[in-house]
Amino acid sequence: MLSWVKAGSRTMPRKTPDGIAEGFERQRLLVVPEFRSRQVATLPILRDLRITALGQFWEAKRHFVTRPKGAAEHIWIYCLAGRGGAELGGKQHVLGAGDLIVLPARKAHRYFADPEIPWTIFWFHVTGERALDHAAALGLDLAQPVLHAPATDELQRAFEDIHRHALDGFTGAGMLAVATGFIRMVGMFRLGARSRSERVRGSEDRLAEVVDAIQQHLLQPWTVSAMAASAAMSVAHFSELFKARAGMSPMAYVIHLRMQRAAALLQWDDAPVSEVAARVGYDDAYYFSRLFRSVFGVSPRAYRKHLNAGR
């Protein structure tokens, strides 16, 4: 059985997990055919930056990838929830919600989900003549490959936009839209980024514990006053600190996570919208639909129809 040891305030595995690279329930995974990537490589923007694969894994239990010689592309992994770990350049990195890691091409690495709280991630394989410039713009390199940029609904929407463009097919226009969407996402990472060394201890630790509790007990009837009490803060101070760190209010964050789960159910489950609403904590399907539209820009039925059309 996998055991974990402390690495600062976090943990790392003692030995290699027994895991799988993909094939998870509710996963989304798109790979650009190699011949198509070569065909568009001469187009101006795509010569500089191309996405060759992208995906999202939800609560990816037993997720594990090892590449002794690295990958041909640079790999970007962003953790939305849960925890995971990575090894690169002889160093270990533990990743939690809001952490981004960039694994440079042709560098040995491995990464994996926490066995108890497996991560939810989206990821990209990136290549092109200036692909590394985007990591450098975030201050990331082999020595410091991790950046903390709190998850926001704008980031998830940015990924949804990129994914929708990829579903349209691997035309030059489609791949250009994917690349420009990725560049926009990098800008969002830069605006929201905070170094771990800049985190203030104490109140932020308590805030992180509340965020973990929300993620693990998403259907609980959360209120701002209950969250603030758990963090031993006043409602006003808790709300201000939460919004400053997460980029949204506490209740908006709860709604955001619930809508993410609903989106996955709509993709992989044929249950009626009313049942999906109930499974993410809403008895009123109409209210749920309004919330879903506020996050994703379309109704739950339209979202499901678009996904089905792209299969």
C-alpha atoms as a PDB file:
ATOM      1  CA  MET A   1       0.000   0.000   0.000  1.00  0.00           C
ATOM      2  CA  LEU A   2       1.201   3.501  -0.787  1.00  0.00           C
ATOM      3  CA  SER A   3       2.393   5.479   2.219  1.00  0.00           C
ATOM      4  CA  TRP A   4       3.132   9.183   2.366  1.00  0.00           C
ATOM      5  CA  VAL A   5       5.765  11.261   4.163  1.00  0.00           C
ATOM      6  CA  LYS A   6       5.846  14.931   5.059  1.00  0.00           C
ATOM      7  CA  ALA A   7       7.397  17.450   2.668  1.00  0.00           C
ATOM      8  CA  GLY A   8       7.120  20.727   4.560  1.00  0.00           C
ATOM      9  CA  SER A   9       3.439  21.167   5.331  1.00  0.00           C
ATOM     10  CA  ARG A  10       2.497  18.773   2.535  1.00  0.00           C
ATOM     11  CA  THR A  11       3.139  15.151   1.695  1.00  0.00           C
ATOM     12  CA  MET A  12       4.901  13.035  -0.911  1.00  0.00           C
ATOM     13  CA  PRO A  13       4.699   9.288  -1.628  1.00  0.00           C
ATOM     14  CA  ARG A  14       7.391   6.959  -0.347  1.00  0.00           C
ATOM     15  CA  LYS A  15       7.215   4.790  -3.437  1.00  0.00           C
ATOM     16  CA  THR A  16       5.806   4.796  -6.959  1.00  0.00           C
ATOM     17  CA  PRO A  17       2.009   4.504  -6.983  1.00  0.00           C
ATOM     18  CA  ASP A  18       0.337   1.681  -8.886  1.00  0.00           C
ATOM     19  CA  GLY A  19      -1.706   3.734 -11.299  1.00  0.00           C
ATOM     20  CA  ILE A  20      -3.004   4.424 -14.792  1.00  0.00           C
ATOM     21  CA  ALA A  21      -2.290   7.241 -17.245  1.00  0.00           C
ATOM     22  CA  GLU A  22      -5.843   7.691 -18.515  1.00  0.00           C
ATOM     23  CA  GLY A  23      -9.181   5.930 -18.857  1.00  0.00           C
ATOM     24  CA  PHE A  24     -11.011   7.658 -15.998  1.00  0.00           C
ATOM     25  CA  GLU A  25     -14.734   8.026 -15.587  1.00  0.00           C
ATOM     26  CA  ARG A  26     -15.945  11.367 -17.000  1.00  0.00           C
ATOM     27  CA  GLN A  27     -12.571  12.177 -18.562  1.00  0.00           C
ATOM     28  CA  ARG A  28     -12.215  14.487 -21.530  1.00  0.00           C
ATOM     29  CA  LEU A  29      -9.215  13.876 -23.765  1.00  0.00           C
ATOM     30  CA  LEU A  30      -8.423  15.146 -27.269  1.00  0.00           C
ATOM     31  CA  VAL A  31      -5.235  14.428 -29.243  1.00  0.00           C
ATOM     32  CA  VAL A  32      -4.344  16.224 -32.462  1.00  0.00           C
ATOM     33  CA  PRO A  33      -3.249  13.720 -35.130  1.00  0.00           C
ATOM     34  CA  GLU A  34       0.500  14.066 -35.640  1.00  0.00           C
ATOM     35  CA  PHE A  35       0.192  14.551 -39.395  1.00  0.00           C
ATOM     36  CA  ARG A  36      -2.256  17.396 -38.825  1.00  0.00           C
ATOM     37  CA  SER A  37       0.039  19.114 -36.342  1.00  0.00           C
ATOM     38  CA  ARG A  38       2.844  18.972 -38.922  1.00  0.00           C
ATOM     39  CA  GLN A  39       0.582  20.355 -41.664  1.00  0.00           C
ATOM     40  CA  VAL A  40      -0.303  23.509 -39.736  1.00  0.00           C
ATOM     41  CA  ALA A  41       3.178  24.046 -38.254  1.00  0.00           C
ATOM     42  CA  THR A  42       4.047  26.599 -40.951  1.00  0.00           C
ATOM     43  CA  LEU A  43       1.139  28.921 -40.103  1.00  0.00           C
ATOM     44  CA  PRO A  44       2.518  32.024 -38.328  1.00  0.00           C
ATOM     45  CA  ILE A  45       0.987  31.671 -34.862  1.00  0.00           C
ATOM     46  CA  LEU A  46       0.915  27.876 -34.927  1.00  0.00           C
ATOM     47  CA  ARG A  47       4.589  27.792 -35.859  1.00  0.00           C
ATOM     48  CA  ASP A  48       5.259  29.514 -32.542  1.00  0.00           C
ATOM     49  CA  LEU A  49       2.694  27.674 -30.411  1.00  0.00           C
ATOM     50  CA  ARG A  50       0.611  24.534 -30.961  1.00  0.00           C
ATOM     51  CA  ILE A  51      -1.507  22.460 -28.592  1.00  0.00           C
ATOM     52  CA  THR A  52      -1.085  18.791 -29.507  1.00  0.00           C
ATOM     53  CA  ALA A  53      -3.289  17.308 -26.772  1.00  0.00           C
ATOM     54  CA  LEU A  54      -5.559  18.533 -24.003  1.00  0.00           C
ATOM     55  CA  GLY A  55      -7.895  17.070 -21.452  1.00  0.00           C
ATOM     56  CA  GLN A  56      -9.587  17.194 -18.096  1.00  0.00           C
ATOM     57  CA  PHE A  57      -9.655  14.430 -15.490  1.00  0.00           C
ATOM     58  CA  TRP A  58     -12.123  14.534 -12.604  1.00  0.00           C
ATOM     59  CA  GLU A  59     -11.075  13.078  -9.255  1.00  0.00           C
ATOM     60  CA  ALA A  60      -8.572  10.951 -11.169  1.00  0.00           C
ATOM     61  CA  LYS A  61      -8.027   8.126  -8.699  1.00  0.00           C
ATOM     62  CA  ARG A  62      -4.796   6.175  -9.348  1.00  0.00           C
ATOM     63  CA  HIS A  63      -3.668   8.656 -12.009  1.00  0.00           C
ATOM     64  CA  PHE A  64       0.046   8.124 -12.588  1.00  0.00           C
ATOM     65  CA  VAL A  65       2.411   8.933 -15.471  1.00  0.00           C
ATOM     66  CA  THR A  66       6.170   8.382 -15.630  1.00  0.00           C
ATOM     67  CA  ARG A  67       8.445   9.369 -18.509  1.00  0.00           C
ATOM     68  CA  PRO A  68      12.129   8.522 -17.886  1.00  0.00           C
ATOM     69  CA  LYS A  69      13.152  10.473 -21.002  1.00  0.00           C
ATOM     70  CA  GLY A  70      10.489  13.158 -20.753  1.00  0.00           C
ATOM     71  CA  ALA A  71       7.903  14.023 -23.401  1.00  0.00           C
ATOM     72  CA  ALA A  72       8.325  15.519 -26.844  1.00  0.00           C
ATOM     73  CA  GLU A  73       6.160  18.470 -25.780  1.00  0.00           C
ATOM     74  CA  HIS A  74       5.984  20.738 -22.751  1.00  0.00           C
ATOM     75  CA  ILE A  75       3.233  19.580 -20.383  1.00  0.00           C
ATOM     76  CA  TRP A  76       1.078  22.051 -18.472  1.00  0.00           C
ATOM     77  CA  ILE A  77      -1.020  20.659 -15.616  1.00  0.00           C
ATOM     78  CA  TYR A  78      -3.411  22.799 -13.580  1.00  0.00           C
ATOM     79  CA  CYS A  79      -4.987  21.401 -10.413  1.00  0.00           C
ATOM     80  CA  LEU A  80      -8.561  22.530  -9.831  1.00  0.00           C
ATOM     81  CA  ALA A  81      -9.237  20.447  -6.727  1.00  0.00           C
ATOM     82  CA  GLY A  82      -7.773  17.616  -4.667  1.00  0.00           C
ATOM     83  CA  ARG A  83      -4.046  16.920  -4.526  1.00  0.00           C
ATOM     84  CA  GLY A  84      -1.282  15.337  -6.541  1.00  0.00           C
ATOM     85  CA  GLY A  85       2.460  15.209  -6.827  1.00  0.00           C
ATOM     86  CA  ALA A  86       5.228  15.534  -9.394  1.00  0.00           C
ATOM     87  CA  GLU A  87       8.944  14.846  -9.624  1.00  0.00           C
ATOM     88  CA  LEU A  88      11.134  16.876 -11.967  1.00  0.00           C
ATOM     89  CA  GLY A  89      14.859  17.521 -12.011  1.00  0.00           C
ATOM     90  CA  GLY A  90      15.362  15.470  -8.861  1.00  0.00           C
ATOM     91  CA  LYS A  91      12.916  17.623  -6.896  1.00  0.00           C
ATOM     92  CA  GLN A  92       9.497  16.724  -5.526  1.00  0.00           C
ATOM     93  CA  HIS A  93       6.494  19.003  -5.764  1.00  0.00           C
ATOM     94  CA  VAL A  94       3.124  18.546  -4.078  1.00  0.00           C
ATOM     95  CA  LEU A  95       0.257  20.195  -5.937  1.00  0.00           C
ATOM     96  CA  GLY A  96      -3.064  21.354  -4.557  1.00  0.00           C
ATOM     97  CA  ALA A  97      -6.030  23.349  -5.802  1.00  0.00           C
ATOM     98  CA  GLY A  98      -4.857  26.376  -7.773  1.00  0.00           C
ATOM     99  CA  ASP A  99      -1.364  25.042  -8.507  1.00  0.00           C
ATOM    100  CA  LEU A 100       0.064  25.020 -12.038  1.00  0.00           C
ATOM    101  CA  ILE A 101       3.116  22.982 -13.029  1.00  0.00           C
ATOM    102  CA  VAL A 102       4.980  23.102 -16.335  1.00  0.00           C
ATOM    103  CA  LEU A 103       7.092  20.057 -17.201  1.00  0.00           C
ATOM    104  CA  PRO A 104       9.646  20.989 -19.903  1.00  0.00           C
ATOM    105  CA  ALA A 105      10.037  18.775 -22.952  1.00  0.00           C
ATOM    106  CA  ARG A 106      12.638  16.008 -22.892  1.00  0.00           C
ATOM    107  CA  LYS A 107      13.113  16.204 -19.122  1.00  0.00           C
ATOM    108  CA  ALA A 108      12.506  13.071 -17.040  1.00  0.00           C
ATOM    109  CA  HIS A 109       9.421  13.412 -14.866  1.00  0.00           C
ATOM    110  CA  ARG A 110       6.536  11.660 -13.199  1.00  0.00           C
ATOM    111  CA  TYR A 111       3.250  12.880 -11.785  1.00  0.00           C
ATOM    112  CA  PHE A 112       0.382  11.284  -9.906  1.00  0.00           C
ATOM    113  CA  ALA A 113      -2.833  11.841  -7.977  1.00  0.00           C
ATOM    114  CA  ASP A 114      -3.010  11.718  -4.189  1.00  0.00           C
ATOM    115  CA  PRO A 115      -4.520   8.300  -3.339  1.00  0.00           C
ATOM    116  CA  GLU A 116      -6.835   9.748  -0.695  1.00  0.00           C
ATOM    117  CA  ILE A 117      -7.870  13.038  -2.307  1.00  0.00           C
ATOM    118  CA  PRO A 118      -7.181  12.512  -6.040  1.00  0.00           C
ATOM    119  CA  TRP A 119      -6.840  15.663  -8.049  1.00  0.00           C
ATOM    120  CA  THR A 120      -9.125  17.170 -10.651  1.00  0.00           C
ATOM    121  CA  ILE A 121      -6.962  18.675 -13.385  1.00  0.00           C
ATOM    122  CA  PHE A 122      -6.949  20.061 -16.851  1.00  0.00           C
ATOM    123  CA  TRP A 123      -3.791  19.756 -18.904  1.00  0.00           C
ATOM    124  CA  PHE A 124      -2.147  20.603 -22.222  1.00  0.00           C
ATOM    125  CA  HIS A 125       0.711  19.284 -24.330  1.00  0.00           C
ATOM    126  CA  VAL A 126       2.374  22.333 -25.886  1.00  0.00           C
ATOM    127  CA  THR A 127       4.959  22.658 -28.652  1.00  0.00           C
ATOM    128  CA  GLY A 128       6.231  25.276 -31.101  1.00  0.00           C
ATOM    129  CA  GLU A 129       9.255  27.498 -31.585  1.00  0.00           C
ATOM    130  CA  ARG A 130       8.233  29.881 -28.772  1.00  0.00           C
ATOM    131  CA  ALA A 131       6.346  27.475 -26.545  1.00  0.00           C
ATOM    132  CA  LEU A 132       8.753  27.942 -23.646  1.00  0.00           C
ATOM    133  CA  ASP A 133       8.333  31.713 -23.744  1.00  0.00           C
ATOM    134  CA  HIS A 134       4.898  31.377 -22.179  1.00  0.00           C
ATOM    135  CA  ALA A 135       6.273  29.455 -19.198  1.00  0.00           C
ATOM    136  CA  ALA A 136       9.106  31.977 -18.884  1.00  0.00           C
ATOM    137  CA  ALA A 137       6.531  34.791 -18.803  1.00  0.00           C
ATOM    138  CA  LEU A 138       5.193  33.202 -15.623  1.00  0.00           C
ATOM    139  CA  GLY A 139       8.667  32.879 -14.140  1.00  0.00           C
ATOM    140  CA  LEU A 140       8.630  29.097 -14.501  1.00  0.00           C
ATOM    141  CA  ASP A 141      11.630  26.957 -15.377  1.00  0.00           C
ATOM    142  CA  LEU A 142      13.209  23.630 -14.487  1.00  0.00           C
ATOM    143  CA  ALA A 143      14.290  24.888 -11.070  1.00  0.00           C
ATOM    144  CA  GLN A 144      10.908  26.438 -10.226  1.00  0.00           C
ATOM    145  CA  PRO A 145       8.161  24.788 -12.282  1.00  0.00           C
ATOM    146  CA  VAL A 146       5.200  25.497  -9.960  1.00  0.00           C
ATOM    147  CA  LEU A 147       3.016  28.571  -9.719  1.00  0.00           C
ATOM    148  CA  HIS A 148      -0.052  29.156  -7.558  1.00  0.00           C
ATOM    149  CA  ALA A 149      -2.946  30.864  -9.347  1.00  0.00           C
ATOM    150  CA  PRO A 150      -6.256  30.396  -7.493  1.00  0.00           C
ATOM    151  CA  ALA A 151      -8.997  28.677  -9.481  1.00  0.00           C
ATOM    152  CA  THR A 152     -11.720  30.988 -10.783  1.00  0.00           C
ATOM    153  CA  ASP A 153     -14.746  30.485 -12.958  1.00  0.00           C
ATOM    154  CA  GLU A 154     -12.946  32.536 -15.634  1.00  0.00           C
ATOM    155  CA  LEU A 155     -10.182  29.931 -15.799  1.00  0.00           C
ATOM    156  CA  GLN A 156     -12.662  27.086 -16.145  1.00  0.00           C
ATOM    157  CA  ARG A 157     -14.546  29.026 -18.808  1.00  0.00           C
ATOM    158  CA  ALA A 158     -11.280  29.615 -20.650  1.00  0.00           C
ATOM    159  CA  PHE A 159     -10.644  25.862 -20.670  1.00  0.00           C
ATOM    160  CA  GLU A 160     -14.223  25.216 -21.830  1.00  0.00           C
ATOM    161  CA  ASP A 161     -13.714  27.636 -24.724  1.00  0.00           C
ATOM    162  CA  ILE A 162     -10.486  25.911 -25.731  1.00  0.00           C
ATOM    163  CA  HIS A 163     -12.135  22.499 -25.475  1.00  0.00           C
ATOM    164  CA  ARG A 164     -15.090  23.617 -27.614  1.00  0.00           C
ATOM    165  CA  HIS A 165     -12.764  24.874 -30.328  1.00  0.00           C
ATOM    166  CA  ALA A 166     -10.912  21.555 -30.258  1.00  0.00           C
ATOM    167  CA  LEU A 167     -14.209  19.688 -30.617  1.00  0.00           C
ATOM    168  CA  ASP A 168     -14.872  21.604 -33.835  1.00  0.00           C
ATOM    169  CA  GLY A 169     -12.122  19.612 -35.525  1.00  0.00           C
ATOM    170  CA  PHE A 170      -8.432  20.068 -36.198  1.00  0.00           C
ATOM    171  CA  THR A 171      -8.731  22.625 -38.978  1.00  0.00           C
ATOM    172  CA  GLY A 172      -6.213  25.425 -39.201  1.00  0.00           C
ATOM    173  CA  ALA A 173      -8.825  27.865 -37.897  1.00  0.00           C
ATOM    174  CA  GLY A 174      -9.794  25.518 -35.070  1.00  0.00           C
ATOM    175  CA  MET A 175      -6.210  24.956 -33.974  1.00  0.00           C
ATOM    176  CA  LEU A 176      -5.549  28.689 -34.177  1.00  0.00           C
ATOM    177  CA  ALA A 177      -8.516  29.291 -31.874  1.00  0.00           C
ATOM    178  CA  VAL A 178      -7.158  26.674 -29.455  1.00  0.00           C
ATOM    179  CA  ALA A 179      -3.711  28.309 -29.443  1.00  0.00           C
ATOM    180  CA  THR A 180      -5.039  31.834 -28.901  1.00  0.00           C
ATOM    181  CA  GLY A 181      -7.350  30.542 -26.166  1.00  0.00           C
ATOM    182  CA  PHE A 182      -4.348  28.991 -24.450  1.00  0.00           C
ATOM    183  CA  ILE A 183      -2.413  32.270 -24.674  1.00  0.00           C
ATOM    184  CA  ARG A 184      -5.376  34.029 -23.054  1.00  0.00           C
ATOM    185  CA  MET A 185      -5.326  31.454 -20.254  1.00  0.00           C
ATOM    186  CA  VAL A 186      -1.603  32.071 -19.678  1.00  0.00           C
ATOM    187  CA  GLY A 187      -2.424  35.740 -19.220  1.00  0.00           C
ATOM    188  CA  MET A 188      -5.023  34.798 -16.616  1.00  0.00           C
ATOM    189  CA  PHE A 189      -2.463  32.680 -14.768  1.00  0.00           C
ATOM    190  CA  ARG A 190      -0.091  35.638 -14.759  1.00  0.00           C
ATOM    191  CA  LEU A 191      -2.683  38.047 -13.390  1.00  0.00           C
ATOM    192  CA  GLY A 192      -3.751  35.675 -10.613  1.00  0.00           C
ATOM    193  CA  ALA A 193      -0.375  34.194  -9.753  1.00  0.00           C
ATOM    194  CA  ARG A 194       1.044  34.127  -6.243  1.00  0.00           C
ATOM    195  CA  SER A 195       4.266  32.472  -5.185  1.00  0.00           C
ATOM    196  CA  ARG A 196       3.926  29.986  -2.340  1.00  0.00           C
ATOM    197  CA  SER A 197       6.628  31.907  -0.498  1.00  0.00           C
ATOM    198  CA  GLU A 198       4.272  34.910  -0.460  1.00  0.00           C
ATOM    199  CA  ARG A 199       1.476  33.098   1.338  1.00  0.00           C
ATOM    200  CA  VAL A 200       0.737  34.413   4.796  1.00  0.00           C
ATOM    201  CA  ARG A 201       0.497  31.709   7.414  1.00  0.00           C
ATOM    202  CA  GLY A 202      -2.256  31.517  10.025  1.00  0.00           C
ATOM    203  CA  SER A 203      -5.438  32.916   8.535  1.00  0.00           C
ATOM    204  CA  GLU A 204      -4.584  31.611   5.058  1.00  0.00           C
ATOM    205  CA  ASP A 205      -3.981  28.142   6.451  1.00  0.00           C
ATOM    206  CA  ARG A 206      -7.434  28.232   8.021  1.00  0.00           C
ATOM    207  CA  LEU A 207      -8.859  29.504   4.757  1.00  0.00           C
ATOM    208  CA  ALA A 208      -7.222  26.587   2.909  1.00  0.00           C
ATOM    209  CA  GLU A 209      -8.794  24.148   5.359  1.00  0.00           C
ATOM    210  CA  VAL A 210     -12.232  25.588   4.617  1.00  0.00           C
ATOM    211  CA  VAL A 211     -11.613  25.270   0.873  1.00  0.00           C
ATOM    212  CA  ASP A 212     -10.599  21.626   1.347  1.00  0.00           C
ATOM    213  CA  ALA A 213     -13.775  21.016   3.366  1.00  0.00           C
ATOM    214  CA  ILE A 214     -15.918  22.564   0.637  1.00  0.00           C
ATOM    215  CA  GLN A 215     -14.296  20.363  -1.998  1.00  0.00           C
ATOM    216  CA  GLN A 216     -14.760  17.201   0.043  1.00  0.00           C
ATOM    217  CA  HIS A 217     -18.332  17.943   1.196  1.00  0.00           C
ATOM    218  CA  LEU A 218     -19.692  19.879  -1.753  1.00  0.00           C
ATOM    219  CA  LEU A 219     -23.365  19.026  -1.189  1.00  0.00           C
ATOM    220  CA  GLN A 220     -23.384  20.302   2.355  1.00  0.00           C
ATOM    221  CA  PRO A 221     -25.705  23.352   2.712  1.00  0.00           C
ATOM    222  CA  TRP A 222     -22.847  25.842   2.942  1.00  0.00           C
ATOM    223  CA  THR A 223     -23.365  29.394   4.208  1.00  0.00           C
ATOM    224  CA  VAL A 224     -20.797  32.168   4.455  1.00  0.00           C
ATOM    225  CA  SER A 225     -21.349  32.429   8.200  1.00  0.00           C
ATOM    226  CA  ALA A 226     -20.651  28.704   8.659  1.00  0.00           C
ATOM    227  CA  MET A 227     -17.472  28.945   6.558  1.00  0.00           C
ATOM    228  CA  ALA A 228     -16.281  31.986   8.480  1.00  0.00           C
ATOM    229  CA  ALA A 229     -16.921  30.237  11.788  1.00  0.00           C
ATOM    230  CA  SER A 230     -14.879  27.228  10.631  1.00  0.00           C
ATOM    231  CA  ALA A 231     -11.997  29.575   9.806  1.00  0.00           C
ATOM    232  CA  ALA A 232     -12.401  31.411  13.161  1.00  0.00           C
ATOM    233  CA  MET A 233     -12.916  34.733  11.367  1.00  0.00           C
ATOM    234  CA  SER A 234     -15.611  37.350  11.130  1.00  0.00           C
ATOM    235  CA  VAL A 235     -17.875  37.057   8.099  1.00  0.00           C
ATOM    236  CA  ALA A 236     -16.555  40.328   6.666  1.00  0.00           C
ATOM    237  CA  HIS A 237     -12.866  39.413   7.074  1.00  0.00           C
ATOM    238  CA  PHE A 238     -13.388  35.873   5.800  1.00  0.00           C
ATOM    239  CA  SER A 239     -15.312  37.078   2.735  1.00  0.00           C
ATOM    240  CA  GLU A 240     -12.693  39.708   1.916  1.00  0.00           C
ATOM    241  CA  LEU A 241      -9.779  37.280   2.302  1.00  0.00           C
ATOM    242  CA  PHE A 242     -11.548  34.517   0.380  1.00  0.00           C
ATOM    243  CA  LYS A 243     -12.341  36.774  -2.577  1.00  0.00           C
ATOM    244  CA  ALA A 244      -8.812  38.174  -2.635  1.00  0.00           C
ATOM    245  CA  ARG A 245      -7.332  34.674  -2.772  1.00  0.00           C
ATOM    246  CA  ALA A 246      -9.897  32.760  -4.864  1.00  0.00           C
ATOM    247  CA  GLY A 247     -10.971  35.560  -7.189  1.00  0.00           C
ATOM    248  CA  MET A 248     -14.645  35.133  -6.250  1.00  0.00           C
ATOM    249  CA  SER A 249     -16.931  35.197  -3.240  1.00  0.00           C
ATOM    250  CA  PRO A 250     -17.261  32.091  -1.020  1.00  0.00           C
ATOM    251  CA  MET A 251     -20.733  31.211  -2.320  1.00  0.00           C
ATOM    252  CA  ALA A 252     -19.695  31.835  -5.925  1.00  0.00           C
ATOM    253  CA  TYR A 253     -16.879  29.340  -5.350  1.00  0.00           C
ATOM    254  CA  VAL A 254     -19.327  26.728  -4.038  1.00  0.00           C
ATOM    255  CA  ILE A 255     -21.583  27.301  -7.052  1.00  0.00           C
ATOM    256  CA  HIS A 256     -18.593  27.100  -9.397  1.00  0.00           C
ATOM    257  CA  LEU A 257     -17.539  23.698  -8.039  1.00  0.00           C
ATOM    258  CA  ARG A 258     -21.089  22.363  -8.151  1.00  0.00           C
ATOM    259  CA  MET A 259     -21.495  23.494 -11.766  1.00  0.00           C
ATOM    260  CA  GLN A 260     -18.216  21.798 -12.686  1.00  0.00           C
ATOM    261  CA  ARG A 261     -19.566  18.557 -11.267  1.00  0.00           C
ATOM    262  CA  ALA A 262     -22.869  19.105 -13.073  1.00  0.00           C
ATOM    263  CA  ALA A 263     -21.050  19.654 -16.368  1.00  0.00           C
ATOM    264  CA  ALA A 264     -19.316  16.311 -15.971  1.00  0.00           C
ATOM    265  CA  LEU A 265     -22.637  14.588 -15.213  1.00  0.00           C
ATOM    266  CA  LEU A 266     -24.236  16.170 -18.277  1.00  0.00           C
ATOM    267  CA  GLN A 267     -21.423  14.848 -20.438  1.00  0.00           C
ATOM    268  CA  TRP A 268     -21.287  11.288 -19.163  1.00  0.00           C
ATOM    269  CA  ASP A 269     -24.768  10.636 -17.777  1.00  0.00           C
ATOM    270  CA  ASP A 270     -28.122  10.640 -19.597  1.00  0.00           C
ATOM    271  CA  ALA A 271     -30.076  11.561 -16.470  1.00  0.00           C
ATOM    272  CA  PRO A 272     -32.662  14.359 -16.806  1.00  0.00           C
ATOM    273  CA  VAL A 273     -31.523  17.860 -15.930  1.00  0.00           C
ATOM    274  CA  SER A 274     -33.725  17.782 -12.818  1.00  0.00           C
ATOM    275  CA  GLU A 275     -31.850  14.711 -11.574  1.00  0.00           C
ATOM    276  CA  VAL A 276     -28.466  16.277 -12.333  1.00  0.00           C
ATOM    277  CA  ALA A 277     -29.594  19.342 -10.367  1.00  0.00           C
ATOM    278  CA  ALA A 278     -30.510  17.184  -7.375  1.00  0.00           C
ATOM    279  CA  ARG A 279     -27.181  15.348  -7.537  1.00  0.00           C
ATOM    280  CA  VAL A 280     -25.265  18.597  -7.151  1.00  0.00           C
ATOM    281  CA  GLY A 281     -27.463  19.935  -4.370  1.00  0.00           C
ATOM    282  CA  TYR A 282     -30.385  21.769  -5.993  1.00  0.00           C
ATOM    283  CA  ASP A 283     -34.027  20.711  -5.670  1.00  0.00           C
ATOM    284  CA  ASP A 284     -35.176  23.488  -8.015  1.00  0.00           C
ATOM    285  CA  ALA A 285     -34.148  22.548 -11.573  1.00  0.00           C
ATOM    286  CA  TYR A 286     -34.972  26.037 -12.896  1.00  0.00           C
ATOM    287  CA  TYR A 287     -32.752  27.715 -10.333  1.00  0.00           C
ATOM    288  CA  PHE A 288     -30.014  25.204 -11.110  1.00  0.00           C
ATOM    289  CA  SER A 289     -30.338  25.991 -14.840  1.00  0.00           C
ATOM    290  CA  ARG A 290     -29.962  29.718 -14.180  1.00  0.00           C
ATOM    291  CA  LEU A 291     -26.817  29.091 -12.136  1.00  0.00           C
ATOM    292  CA  PHE A 292     -25.409  26.768 -14.798  1.00  0.00           C
ATOM    293  CA  ARG A 293     -25.974  29.377 -17.501  1.00  0.00           C
ATOM    294  CA  SER A 294     -24.264  32.032 -15.371  1.00  0.00           C
ATOM    295  CA  VAL A 295     -21.120  29.865 -15.205  1.00  0.00           C
ATOM    296  CA  PHE A 296     -20.991  28.283 -18.678  1.00  0.00           C
ATOM    297  CA  GLY A 297     -22.979  30.771 -20.739  1.00  0.00           C
ATOM    298  CA  VAL A 298     -25.490  28.175 -21.987  1.00  0.00           C
ATOM    299  CA  SER A 299     -28.300  26.138 -20.467  1.00  0.00           C
ATOM    300  CA  PRO A 300     -27.624  22.584 -19.217  1.00  0.00           C
ATOM    301  CA  ARG A 301     -29.585  21.134 -22.182  1.00  0.00           C
ATOM    302  CA  ALA A 302     -27.677  23.238 -24.703  1.00  0.00           C
ATOM    303  CA  TYR A 303     -24.395  22.242 -23.069  1.00  0.00           C
ATOM    304  CA  ARG A 304     -25.262  18.538 -23.324  1.00  0.00           C
ATOM    305  CA  LYS A 305     -26.466  18.927 -26.931  1.00  0.00           C
ATOM    306  CA  HIS A 306     -23.198  20.617 -27.941  1.00  0.00           C
ATOM    307  CA  LEU A 307     -21.112  17.879 -26.329  1.00  0.00           C
ATOM    308  CA  ASN A 308     -23.161  15.131 -27.954  1.00  0.00           C
ATOM    309  CA  ALA A 309     -22.795  16.816 -31.348  1.00  0.00           C
ATOM    310  CA  GLY A 310     -19.018  16.790 -30.928  1.00  0.00           C
ATOM    311  CA  ARG A 311     -18.728  13.094 -30.150  1.00  0.00           C
END
